[in-house]
Every structure is written in structure tokens, then in C-alpha cells.
């Protein structure tokens, strides 16, 4: 094959088995070596906490936002990047591309400075399943592990056209409680009256979970959001003037904080003159009705700040504050978690939305917070692929095959 032509599927089909095999293996090794180098940058970027410059909560959040990867993937990258700092022998094997990611990830969970050399020699000969199993067996249960498992408990759900799907994780002891109850209820389920046969156990277990929820449904009342009484100067809440506000218990807050509180909560406005006399007492109201909040949660699925995605303790933020004439409707509202709601108000950030529903965040200096993996720079492409960079990475096959 001559020049820098890119091989098509048909051309690749003409390669010998050895050429195809070698190309696949070498490209995988190149990917692993590149990943190892990236993890070095991740480790240093994390240690220097440069992710704070984009107002992220952690290196994991920064990776999620900048590279559009999942939280789980980002968390594993950060953990492995930190671990490799103290495992020079394993790090060297990774740089040679001799460990897959599915070997490296579990290996870094158990490797220490003492076992680094031994594991670096043995691990390349293990399968991914063997590495994971050996790592699991090497970790003796500890109280710290139990506490970490407790913090990792979760339950999420999503639905398609016909089914609600559940996914979660419980500690071993909590899982034993749940499965024992579900098993007992599922075992007591009657036969199908039409077929006179028991349905599959998985179906009966699903019915058992629904029964548990139905039993408790009548005992749970939706709690109302707390009443926030704000005492403020005339005009401060609408942004016409600077000033302070005061909560009912006497805590003084900035006018911008009062604006944030008024975005999405049950509130009452008390306007006072310079002598502290009440000149107007607003009615207690819920600025955003429950039906609209439910639609907003369904639309946004969580905090819209890049890389966050929190699904609990959300606030509905007015893009144009209602006190400035902004409407309380879908187009003027976005869901933000409490932390990022504060960033937008007290932190000086700005948030805007397009007609297509894309939300952009602007730093206090006006710079737009970018999201998604950046394109390969021309100078990097030249260093990787030569003076005439190809359109895609298939150019590497010429050098490998």
C-alpha cells in the first residue's frame, strides 16, 4: 500500500490474518500506553486541584464535563491515576501496553509498594477474570470497607416505552434483608389463574416489590417545603438596588441571596422602610407550582450544570428572575442543585438557554464553560501522524501493518 491512503474495509480484508491480528494488538497497546500517559496528567491536574478553576466539585466532575464520559468511568480513571503514582513497576508495564484496562483497574485496587514488582511480572499472564478474582480475594474485609460499601449504596431507575428499570447496590447485610423479604413474598404468590402454573420467580419478585411499595404508599405524605420569611428593602429583591435582606430569625443575607431563595421555595416577602416599619406584607406563596416542578424534573433529569447531573435537592432557577419580569414557565426555568444555584447567584456566574434548549454557563469573566472532548490540535496531529496528518486514526495501520 503506497502513500498515505487510508485502507477501506475491503482493503483490510485483503490483509493476512497475521497482519490483521498484529494491527489490532498494536493499536490496543498504543491505546493503553496513551491512556497511561493521560492518567499521569489526570493525577497531577487532580493534585493541583486545577479542576476548581471551572468550579467543579472534584476531578471526577471535571472529567465528566470536559470529556463527556460517565461518572463511573471518570471515578475509575481518577482512582487508577492516583494509585499508579506509587506503583512504578506496574506503571512501566502499562506504558508498554502489556496490561489491558480490565487487568489494570482491579490490580491497582490491591497492589502496594511491597507487591508492585511481583504483580508487575505476574499480571500480564493473567486473564481479566483471573485478575479481578485475585484482587477480590486479596482484599480482606475491614470496617473501612464496610463503611465505604454503605456510602456506595444507591438505587436508580429509568423507563422505556413499557417498563420501569431498576438498578442499585446495597451492602451485603442490607441486601440480605431485602432479598429475604422479597423471596418470602414471591414464594407465597399464587398460581396464575389462567395457566394454573407459577410465573417465573423473577416476575413474582417484581410483584413482591410492588406490593411492598403499595403497602407503604398510604403512610407517606409529601412534605411541604419550608417557609422562608425574607425582610428586605424596597427594590432590593427586584435587583433595582444593592442592599441586604434579613431572615425571620435575624440572619442577614445579601440581596442576591434573597433572590436565590425566591427562585424556588415557599416564601413570604416583608418590605420595610428606613424606620423598620412594615410597608407591605406579601402573601405566602409557592412561586413554582408542583405540576410545573414535576415537568421540569422530567425534562432536565437533574442539575444542568456541566458535569454535575445531581438528581436530589434540586432548585428551579429563573433564567430571568421573576422579580425582573421573567415568566415562571418551562422556557425560563432550569433545574440546578443547591451548590450550583448558589454559584449562579452569589458566585457571579451567568446561565443562558437557547431556543433549542441548550444551556450555557458563563464564568464571572464572561468565558463560556466548555463541555465535551476537544478536537485534536493540528500540532499534536503532526507530531503523532507526520507533516500530512490523515483524517482519522486509520493512518496508524500503515505504520503497524
Foldseek 3Di string as FASTA:
>chain_A
DDDLDFDDPVRVVPDDPVLVVQLVLVVLLVVLLVLLVVLLVLQVCQVVVVVCVLPDPGSLLSCCFAAVDDSVVSVLSPLLSNLCVQQVLLSVCSNRSLDHPLLSSLQSLQDGNVCNNVCSVPSSPDDSVVSNVVSVVNDDDDPVVQVVQQVQWDKDWDDDPPDIDIDTGHRPVVVVVLVVQLQVQLVPDAPDVVVNHRDDSVVSSVVSVVVVCVVCVVVDDDDAFDEWEKEDEPPLLLVPDWDWIATPVGDIGTSLVVVLCLFFHFYWYFYADPVRDTPDTGDTDGQADPVQVVVQCVVQVAAPPRSDNHNPQKGWGFLNRVSNVGDRHDQGTHIHHPVVSCCCRVVQKHWDADPVGDIWIAHNVRHISHGHHDDDDPVNQCVVQNPDGDPDPSSVSVVRD
